[in-house]
Each structure stands twice: as C-alpha cells, then as structure tokens.
N, C-alpha and C. Protein backbone atom coordinates (compact mmCIF):
# COMPACT_ATOMS: atom_id res chain seq x y z
N UNK A 1 166.59 99.12 58.13
CA UNK A 1 166.76 97.71 57.99
C UNK A 1 168.25 97.40 58.03
N UNK A 2 168.63 96.38 58.77
CA UNK A 2 170.02 96.01 58.93
C UNK A 2 170.32 94.81 58.05
N UNK A 3 171.38 94.92 57.29
CA UNK A 3 171.82 93.79 56.47
C UNK A 3 172.95 93.09 57.21
N UNK A 4 172.85 91.78 57.34
CA UNK A 4 173.83 91.02 58.11
C UNK A 4 175.22 91.03 57.49
N UNK A 5 175.34 91.22 56.18
CA UNK A 5 176.66 91.21 55.57
C UNK A 5 177.46 92.47 55.88
N UNK A 6 176.79 93.55 56.33
CA UNK A 6 177.49 94.78 56.67
C UNK A 6 177.85 94.87 58.15
N UNK A 7 177.30 94.01 58.96
CA UNK A 7 177.56 94.05 60.39
C UNK A 7 178.94 93.45 60.65
N UNK A 8 179.78 94.21 61.33
CA UNK A 8 181.10 93.73 61.70
C UNK A 8 181.00 93.21 63.13
N UNK A 9 181.12 91.90 63.32
CA UNK A 9 180.97 91.36 64.67
C UNK A 9 182.18 91.71 65.54
N UNK A 10 181.95 91.81 66.83
CA UNK A 10 183.01 92.07 67.77
C UNK A 10 183.95 90.87 67.81
N UNK A 11 185.26 91.08 67.85
CA UNK A 11 186.20 89.96 67.85
C UNK A 11 186.00 88.99 69.01
N UNK A 12 185.56 89.50 70.15
CA UNK A 12 185.29 88.60 71.29
C UNK A 12 184.15 87.65 70.97
N UNK A 13 183.16 88.14 70.26
CA UNK A 13 182.02 87.30 69.89
C UNK A 13 182.41 86.29 68.82
N UNK A 14 183.27 86.69 67.90
CA UNK A 14 183.70 85.79 66.83
C UNK A 14 184.47 84.61 67.40
N UNK A 15 185.41 84.91 68.29
CA UNK A 15 186.25 83.85 68.85
C UNK A 15 185.65 83.23 70.11
N UNK A 16 184.56 83.81 70.60
CA UNK A 16 183.86 83.31 71.79
C UNK A 16 184.80 83.23 72.99
N UNK A 17 185.50 84.34 73.24
CA UNK A 17 186.38 84.43 74.39
C UNK A 17 185.98 85.65 75.21
N UNK A 18 186.41 85.66 76.46
CA UNK A 18 186.11 86.79 77.33
C UNK A 18 187.17 87.88 77.14
N UNK A 19 186.90 89.09 77.58
CA UNK A 19 187.91 90.15 77.49
C UNK A 19 189.17 89.85 78.30
N UNK A 20 189.10 88.93 79.22
CA UNK A 20 190.27 88.57 80.04
C UNK A 20 191.09 87.44 79.42
N UNK A 21 190.76 87.01 78.21
CA UNK A 21 191.44 85.88 77.58
C UNK A 21 192.91 86.19 77.31
N UNK A 22 193.75 85.19 77.54
CA UNK A 22 195.18 85.34 77.28
C UNK A 22 195.45 85.09 75.79
N UNK A 23 196.71 85.33 75.37
CA UNK A 23 197.08 85.10 73.98
C UNK A 23 196.93 83.62 73.63
N UNK A 24 197.28 82.75 74.56
CA UNK A 24 197.15 81.31 74.31
C UNK A 24 195.68 80.92 74.12
N UNK A 25 194.79 81.50 74.92
CA UNK A 25 193.36 81.21 74.80
C UNK A 25 192.80 81.73 73.47
N UNK A 26 193.33 82.85 73.02
CA UNK A 26 192.89 83.42 71.75
C UNK A 26 193.30 82.51 70.59
N UNK A 27 194.53 81.97 70.65
CA UNK A 27 195.01 81.08 69.60
C UNK A 27 194.15 79.81 69.57
N UNK A 28 193.84 79.28 70.76
CA UNK A 28 192.99 78.09 70.85
C UNK A 28 191.59 78.38 70.31
N UNK A 29 191.06 79.52 70.69
CA UNK A 29 189.71 79.90 70.24
C UNK A 29 189.70 80.13 68.72
N UNK A 30 190.80 80.62 68.17
CA UNK A 30 190.92 80.82 66.73
C UNK A 30 190.76 79.48 66.01
N UNK A 31 191.46 78.46 66.51
CA UNK A 31 191.37 77.13 65.89
C UNK A 31 189.96 76.57 66.00
N UNK A 32 189.33 76.76 67.16
CA UNK A 32 187.96 76.25 67.36
C UNK A 32 186.97 76.99 66.45
N UNK A 33 187.15 78.30 66.30
CA UNK A 33 186.26 79.08 65.45
C UNK A 33 186.38 78.66 63.99
N UNK A 34 187.60 78.31 63.58
CA UNK A 34 187.80 77.84 62.20
C UNK A 34 187.08 76.51 61.97
N UNK A 35 187.07 75.67 63.01
CA UNK A 35 186.39 74.38 62.90
C UNK A 35 184.88 74.55 62.87
N UNK A 36 184.37 75.45 63.72
CA UNK A 36 182.92 75.65 63.82
C UNK A 36 182.35 76.31 62.56
N UNK A 37 183.12 77.18 61.94
CA UNK A 37 182.71 77.89 60.71
C UNK A 37 181.44 78.73 60.90
N UNK A 38 181.29 79.24 62.11
CA UNK A 38 180.14 80.11 62.38
C UNK A 38 180.29 81.45 61.63
N UNK A 39 181.53 81.92 61.52
CA UNK A 39 181.86 83.14 60.78
C UNK A 39 182.77 82.75 59.62
N UNK A 40 182.90 83.63 58.64
CA UNK A 40 183.79 83.30 57.53
C UNK A 40 185.25 83.42 57.98
N UNK A 41 186.16 82.72 57.31
CA UNK A 41 187.57 82.70 57.74
C UNK A 41 188.22 84.08 57.82
N UNK A 42 187.81 84.99 56.94
CA UNK A 42 188.37 86.34 56.97
C UNK A 42 188.01 87.05 58.27
N UNK A 43 186.75 86.92 58.71
CA UNK A 43 186.32 87.54 59.96
C UNK A 43 187.03 86.92 61.16
N UNK A 44 187.22 85.61 61.13
CA UNK A 44 187.89 84.92 62.23
C UNK A 44 189.35 85.36 62.31
N UNK A 45 190.02 85.43 61.17
CA UNK A 45 191.42 85.86 61.15
C UNK A 45 191.55 87.31 61.61
N UNK A 46 190.62 88.15 61.18
CA UNK A 46 190.64 89.56 61.59
C UNK A 46 190.40 89.69 63.10
N UNK A 47 189.51 88.88 63.63
CA UNK A 47 189.24 88.91 65.08
C UNK A 47 190.50 88.52 65.86
N UNK A 48 191.19 87.48 65.40
CA UNK A 48 192.43 87.04 66.07
C UNK A 48 193.47 88.15 66.01
N UNK A 49 193.61 88.76 64.84
CA UNK A 49 194.59 89.83 64.65
C UNK A 49 194.29 91.00 65.60
N UNK A 50 193.01 91.37 65.71
CA UNK A 50 192.63 92.48 66.58
C UNK A 50 192.91 92.18 68.05
N UNK A 51 192.61 90.96 68.48
CA UNK A 51 192.78 90.64 69.89
C UNK A 51 194.25 90.39 70.26
N UNK A 52 195.09 90.12 69.29
CA UNK A 52 196.52 89.94 69.56
C UNK A 52 197.24 91.29 69.63
N UNK A 53 196.69 92.32 68.99
CA UNK A 53 197.28 93.66 69.02
C UNK A 53 196.67 94.42 70.20
N UNK A 54 197.51 94.90 71.11
CA UNK A 54 197.01 95.54 72.33
C UNK A 54 196.17 96.79 72.06
N UNK A 55 196.57 97.60 71.09
CA UNK A 55 195.81 98.82 70.80
C UNK A 55 194.45 98.49 70.20
N UNK A 56 194.41 97.55 69.27
CA UNK A 56 193.14 97.17 68.67
C UNK A 56 192.26 96.44 69.69
N UNK A 57 192.88 95.76 70.62
CA UNK A 57 192.11 95.08 71.66
C UNK A 57 191.41 96.09 72.56
N UNK A 58 192.08 97.20 72.86
CA UNK A 58 191.44 98.25 73.66
C UNK A 58 190.21 98.81 72.94
N UNK A 59 190.33 98.97 71.63
CA UNK A 59 189.19 99.45 70.85
C UNK A 59 188.04 98.45 70.91
N UNK A 60 188.37 97.17 70.79
CA UNK A 60 187.33 96.13 70.86
C UNK A 60 186.69 96.11 72.25
N UNK A 61 187.50 96.33 73.30
CA UNK A 61 186.96 96.38 74.66
C UNK A 61 185.98 97.54 74.81
N UNK A 62 186.33 98.67 74.21
CA UNK A 62 185.48 99.85 74.31
C UNK A 62 184.19 99.68 73.52
N UNK A 63 184.28 99.08 72.33
CA UNK A 63 183.12 98.98 71.45
C UNK A 63 182.22 97.79 71.74
N UNK A 64 182.67 96.83 72.51
CA UNK A 64 181.88 95.61 72.69
C UNK A 64 180.43 95.87 73.09
N UNK A 65 180.15 96.64 74.13
CA UNK A 65 178.73 96.84 74.47
C UNK A 65 178.02 97.79 73.52
N UNK A 66 178.74 98.63 72.79
CA UNK A 66 178.12 99.67 71.99
C UNK A 66 178.01 99.35 70.51
N UNK A 67 178.74 98.38 70.03
CA UNK A 67 178.80 98.13 68.59
C UNK A 67 177.44 97.83 67.96
N UNK A 68 176.63 96.93 68.53
CA UNK A 68 175.32 96.69 67.90
C UNK A 68 174.46 97.95 67.85
N UNK A 69 174.51 98.77 68.89
CA UNK A 69 173.74 100.01 68.91
C UNK A 69 174.25 100.98 67.84
N UNK A 70 175.55 101.08 67.70
CA UNK A 70 176.13 101.97 66.70
C UNK A 70 175.74 101.52 65.30
N UNK A 71 175.80 100.21 65.04
CA UNK A 71 175.46 99.71 63.71
C UNK A 71 173.98 99.89 63.41
N UNK A 72 173.12 99.71 64.42
CA UNK A 72 171.69 99.94 64.19
C UNK A 72 171.46 101.42 63.89
N UNK A 73 172.16 102.29 64.58
CA UNK A 73 172.00 103.73 64.37
C UNK A 73 172.47 104.12 62.98
N UNK A 74 173.60 103.56 62.51
CA UNK A 74 174.12 103.89 61.19
C UNK A 74 173.17 103.45 60.09
N UNK A 75 172.45 102.36 60.30
CA UNK A 75 171.57 101.83 59.27
C UNK A 75 170.11 102.25 59.44
N UNK A 76 169.84 103.11 60.39
CA UNK A 76 168.47 103.53 60.68
C UNK A 76 168.08 104.69 59.77
N UNK A 77 166.84 104.74 59.40
CA UNK A 77 166.32 105.83 58.57
C UNK A 77 166.04 107.04 59.47
N UNK A 78 166.80 108.09 59.28
CA UNK A 78 166.67 109.28 60.12
C UNK A 78 165.95 110.42 59.41
N UNK A 79 165.21 110.11 58.37
CA UNK A 79 164.52 111.15 57.61
C UNK A 79 163.46 111.88 58.44
N UNK A 80 162.98 111.26 59.50
CA UNK A 80 161.97 111.90 60.35
C UNK A 80 162.53 113.14 61.04
N UNK A 81 163.85 113.24 61.16
CA UNK A 81 164.45 114.42 61.79
C UNK A 81 164.29 115.67 60.95
N UNK A 82 164.04 115.52 59.67
CA UNK A 82 163.86 116.66 58.78
C UNK A 82 162.43 117.20 58.79
N UNK A 83 161.52 116.48 59.39
CA UNK A 83 160.13 116.92 59.44
C UNK A 83 159.95 117.97 60.53
N UNK A 84 158.99 118.87 60.36
CA UNK A 84 158.77 119.90 61.38
C UNK A 84 158.26 119.29 62.69
N UNK A 85 158.56 119.97 63.76
CA UNK A 85 158.13 119.51 65.08
C UNK A 85 156.62 119.68 65.19
N UNK A 86 155.91 118.63 65.62
CA UNK A 86 154.45 118.76 65.72
C UNK A 86 154.05 119.72 66.84
N UNK A 87 152.95 120.42 66.61
CA UNK A 87 152.42 121.37 67.59
C UNK A 87 151.47 120.61 68.52
N UNK A 88 151.65 120.83 69.79
CA UNK A 88 150.79 120.18 70.78
C UNK A 88 149.75 121.20 71.24
N UNK A 89 148.49 120.89 71.01
CA UNK A 89 147.40 121.77 71.45
C UNK A 89 146.76 121.15 72.68
N UNK A 90 146.80 121.90 73.76
CA UNK A 90 146.21 121.42 75.00
C UNK A 90 144.71 121.71 75.02
N UNK A 91 144.02 121.01 75.84
CA UNK A 91 142.58 121.22 75.98
C UNK A 91 142.35 122.62 76.54
N UNK A 92 141.45 123.41 75.93
CA UNK A 92 141.26 124.81 76.36
C UNK A 92 140.80 124.95 77.82
N UNK A 93 140.19 123.92 78.38
CA UNK A 93 139.74 124.01 79.77
C UNK A 93 140.92 124.17 80.74
N UNK A 94 142.11 123.81 80.31
CA UNK A 94 143.28 123.87 81.19
C UNK A 94 144.09 125.15 81.01
N UNK A 95 143.63 126.05 80.16
CA UNK A 95 144.40 127.26 79.89
C UNK A 95 144.62 128.11 81.14
N UNK A 96 143.61 128.31 81.94
CA UNK A 96 143.71 129.16 83.12
C UNK A 96 143.69 128.36 84.41
N UNK A 97 144.19 127.17 84.35
CA UNK A 97 144.17 126.28 85.52
C UNK A 97 145.02 126.82 86.66
N UNK A 98 146.18 127.38 86.36
CA UNK A 98 147.05 127.94 87.42
C UNK A 98 146.36 129.09 88.14
N UNK A 99 145.73 129.95 87.37
CA UNK A 99 145.04 131.09 87.97
C UNK A 99 143.88 130.62 88.84
N UNK A 100 143.12 129.66 88.38
CA UNK A 100 141.99 129.15 89.17
C UNK A 100 142.48 128.51 90.46
N UNK A 101 143.60 127.84 90.39
CA UNK A 101 144.15 127.20 91.59
C UNK A 101 144.59 128.24 92.61
N UNK A 102 145.25 129.30 92.14
CA UNK A 102 145.68 130.36 93.04
C UNK A 102 144.48 131.06 93.67
N UNK A 103 143.44 131.27 92.89
CA UNK A 103 142.25 131.93 93.41
C UNK A 103 141.55 131.06 94.46
N UNK A 104 141.62 129.77 94.27
CA UNK A 104 140.95 128.88 95.24
C UNK A 104 141.68 128.86 96.57
N UNK A 105 142.97 129.19 96.55
CA UNK A 105 143.73 129.20 97.80
C UNK A 105 143.51 130.49 98.59
N UNK A 106 143.06 131.51 97.90
CA UNK A 106 142.83 132.79 98.59
C UNK A 106 141.47 132.70 99.30
N UNK A 107 141.53 132.82 100.58
CA UNK A 107 140.30 132.74 101.37
C UNK A 107 139.95 134.16 101.83
N UNK A 108 138.74 134.56 101.54
CA UNK A 108 138.34 135.92 101.91
C UNK A 108 138.19 136.04 103.43
N UNK A 109 138.29 137.24 103.87
CA UNK A 109 138.18 137.51 105.30
C UNK A 109 136.80 137.10 105.83
N UNK A 110 135.82 137.29 105.04
CA UNK A 110 134.46 136.91 105.45
C UNK A 110 134.36 135.39 105.68
N UNK A 111 134.98 134.60 104.78
CA UNK A 111 134.97 133.14 104.95
C UNK A 111 135.72 132.72 106.20
N UNK A 112 136.79 133.41 106.53
CA UNK A 112 137.54 133.07 107.74
C UNK A 112 136.70 133.34 108.99
N UNK A 113 136.06 134.50 108.97
CA UNK A 113 135.22 134.87 110.12
C UNK A 113 134.09 133.86 110.28
N UNK A 114 133.44 133.51 109.19
CA UNK A 114 132.35 132.54 109.24
C UNK A 114 132.85 131.18 109.72
N UNK A 115 134.02 130.78 109.27
CA UNK A 115 134.60 129.51 109.69
C UNK A 115 134.89 129.49 111.18
N UNK A 116 135.40 130.61 111.70
CA UNK A 116 135.69 130.70 113.13
C UNK A 116 134.42 130.61 113.97
N UNK A 117 133.36 131.26 113.51
CA UNK A 117 132.09 131.25 114.24
C UNK A 117 131.48 129.84 114.23
N UNK A 118 131.56 129.15 113.11
CA UNK A 118 130.95 127.84 113.03
C UNK A 118 131.71 126.76 113.78
N UNK A 119 133.00 126.84 113.77
CA UNK A 119 133.81 125.76 114.32
C UNK A 119 134.51 126.12 115.62
N UNK A 120 134.15 127.22 116.27
CA UNK A 120 134.76 127.58 117.55
C UNK A 120 133.90 127.16 118.71
C-alpha cells in the first residue's frame, strides 16, 4: 500500500514544466505553483531548487519515468519471495510424449514397401 505523504513527486511534475524548460520558465512556474497550491510550499521550493541546480536536474531527468515505479517497489510487500517455489506437476500422459513423437516418425521398411505398391 502506498501512502501519499511518503511519495516524493518529480520536480517537473510539481512545477508543471517540461525537461526543456529554461531558468526563467522555472521561476515563472514556481510562482504559478505557489498560487495553485497543488503541492505544499516546501515541495514546490524543493522542486525549484532541484531544477535550478544542473546536477540535481540531471538526476530528476533520469528519475522522471522511473520514480513512480521505484516508489511502488519500495512500498510493496515482498514477503512472497521468502516462500518456497511451487512444484509444477505435469499431466502423466505427457511424460513420454517426446519418445512417442520420435517413434511415430520412424517408418518401418515394410510400411514403405506397402506405400510404394499402393501409390505407384
């Protein structure tokens, strides 16, 4: 289960700007985001700070498509990985299927001779 208060939104989503946004566009988007109040002021200020710093912006560019997946994975219950692998039992009729198939391809000499006589 994912709690919304633990999810850190991507700065591009907070400020509603594209990855190609200039510094001036980021400042404008910062003011608009403060007016809209869709996110809390701390998140908006942090988003602006991240997008103004070139190194942090690269990190945001890298994480943008992956962040929701990473957060879902971090909050997912992985206890099923500790359980033993289930055993798959196949239907017993299929146990010797390969052998039966190979045997069906082998045509006896008698069958070949009979086939030649009938269809020649």
